[in-house]
Amino acid sequence: MPPFAELGGIVVDETFRQLGVGAALLTSAEAWAAGVGCTMFRVRSNALRTESHKFYERMGYTASKSQRIYDKELSGG
């Protein structure tokens, strides 16, 4: 696998969405990654955050993986 950087996600306060803040942050992170020799940039986004999926797709990203997380509550320790 080529060297890559990974971003856990971007969250922009609802008041400031659609103003280019997320795009500026993502573009800056991509530039940093390219500057340190990464040839791929990966972003993680919760499956429920469908609006963010549209944002990443507009920014040129394609979905490459889907996964589930399973939790189980355990009694006392």
Protein backbone atom coordinates (compact mmCIF):
# COMPACT_ATOMS: atom_id res chain seq x y z
CA MET A 1 0.00 0.00 0.00
CA PRO A 2 1.33 3.45 -0.86
CA PRO A 3 2.04 5.91 1.95
CA PHE A 4 -1.17 7.61 2.99
CA ALA A 5 -2.60 9.99 5.56
CA GLU A 6 -5.90 9.43 7.28
CA LEU A 7 -8.31 11.97 8.70
CA GLY A 8 -10.82 10.78 11.27
CA GLY A 9 -13.34 13.27 9.91
CA ILE A 10 -14.21 16.93 9.86
CA VAL A 11 -17.04 18.43 11.86
CA VAL A 12 -18.07 21.99 11.10
CA ASP A 13 -20.57 23.68 13.40
CA GLU A 14 -23.97 23.80 11.72
CA THR A 15 -23.90 27.62 11.78
CA PHE A 16 -20.82 27.65 9.54
CA ARG A 17 -21.69 24.90 7.07
CA GLN A 18 -21.92 25.70 3.35
CA LEU A 19 -19.41 28.54 3.78
CA GLY A 20 -16.33 26.67 2.55
CA VAL A 21 -14.87 25.98 6.00
CA GLY A 22 -14.85 22.18 5.58
CA ALA A 23 -13.42 22.42 2.07
CA ALA A 24 -10.64 24.73 3.28
CA LEU A 25 -9.77 22.39 6.15
CA LEU A 26 -9.77 19.32 3.92
CA THR A 27 -7.74 21.01 1.19
CA SER A 28 -5.18 22.13 3.76
CA ALA A 29 -4.90 18.62 5.20
CA GLU A 30 -4.47 17.16 1.71
CA ALA A 31 -1.70 19.67 0.95
CA TRP A 32 0.09 18.77 4.19
CA ALA A 33 -0.14 15.05 3.37
CA ALA A 34 1.19 15.56 -0.14
CA GLY A 35 4.01 17.69 1.28
CA VAL A 36 5.20 14.88 3.53
CA GLY A 37 5.17 12.33 0.70
CA CYS A 38 1.74 10.72 0.97
CA THR A 39 0.23 9.62 -2.31
CA MET A 40 -3.24 8.91 -0.95
CA PHE A 41 -5.49 10.65 1.55
CA ARG A 42 -8.22 8.77 3.41
CA VAL A 43 -11.16 10.18 5.36
CA ARG A 44 -13.40 8.26 7.74
CA SER A 45 -17.05 9.17 8.11
CA ASN A 46 -19.77 7.57 10.19
CA ALA A 47 -22.27 5.65 8.05
CA LEU A 48 -25.10 7.74 9.49
CA ARG A 49 -23.59 11.07 8.40
CA THR A 50 -25.01 11.03 4.88
CA GLU A 51 -24.57 14.78 4.35
CA SER A 52 -20.84 14.45 4.98
CA HIS A 53 -20.69 11.61 2.43
CA LYS A 54 -22.07 13.98 -0.21
CA PHE A 55 -19.47 16.58 0.80
CA TYR A 56 -16.56 14.14 0.44
CA GLU A 57 -17.87 12.95 -2.92
CA ARG A 58 -18.07 16.58 -4.12
CA MET A 59 -14.45 16.94 -2.99
CA GLY A 60 -13.44 14.05 -5.28
CA TYR A 61 -13.46 11.12 -2.83
CA THR A 62 -14.96 7.71 -3.52
CA ALA A 63 -16.21 5.28 -0.91
CA SER A 64 -13.84 2.33 -0.62
CA LYS A 65 -15.00 0.47 2.48
CA SER A 66 -17.99 0.01 4.71
CA GLN A 67 -17.95 -1.53 8.15
CA ARG A 68 -20.05 -2.04 11.25
CA ILE A 69 -19.14 -1.66 14.89
CA TYR A 70 -20.72 -4.00 17.37
CA ASP A 71 -21.05 -3.07 21.06
CA LYS A 72 -22.10 -5.14 24.02
CA GLU A 73 -22.67 -3.77 27.50
CA LEU A 74 -21.00 -5.84 30.19
CA SER A 75 -22.12 -6.00 33.77
CA GLY A 76 -19.83 -4.62 36.54
CA GLY A 77 -16.17 -5.47 36.54
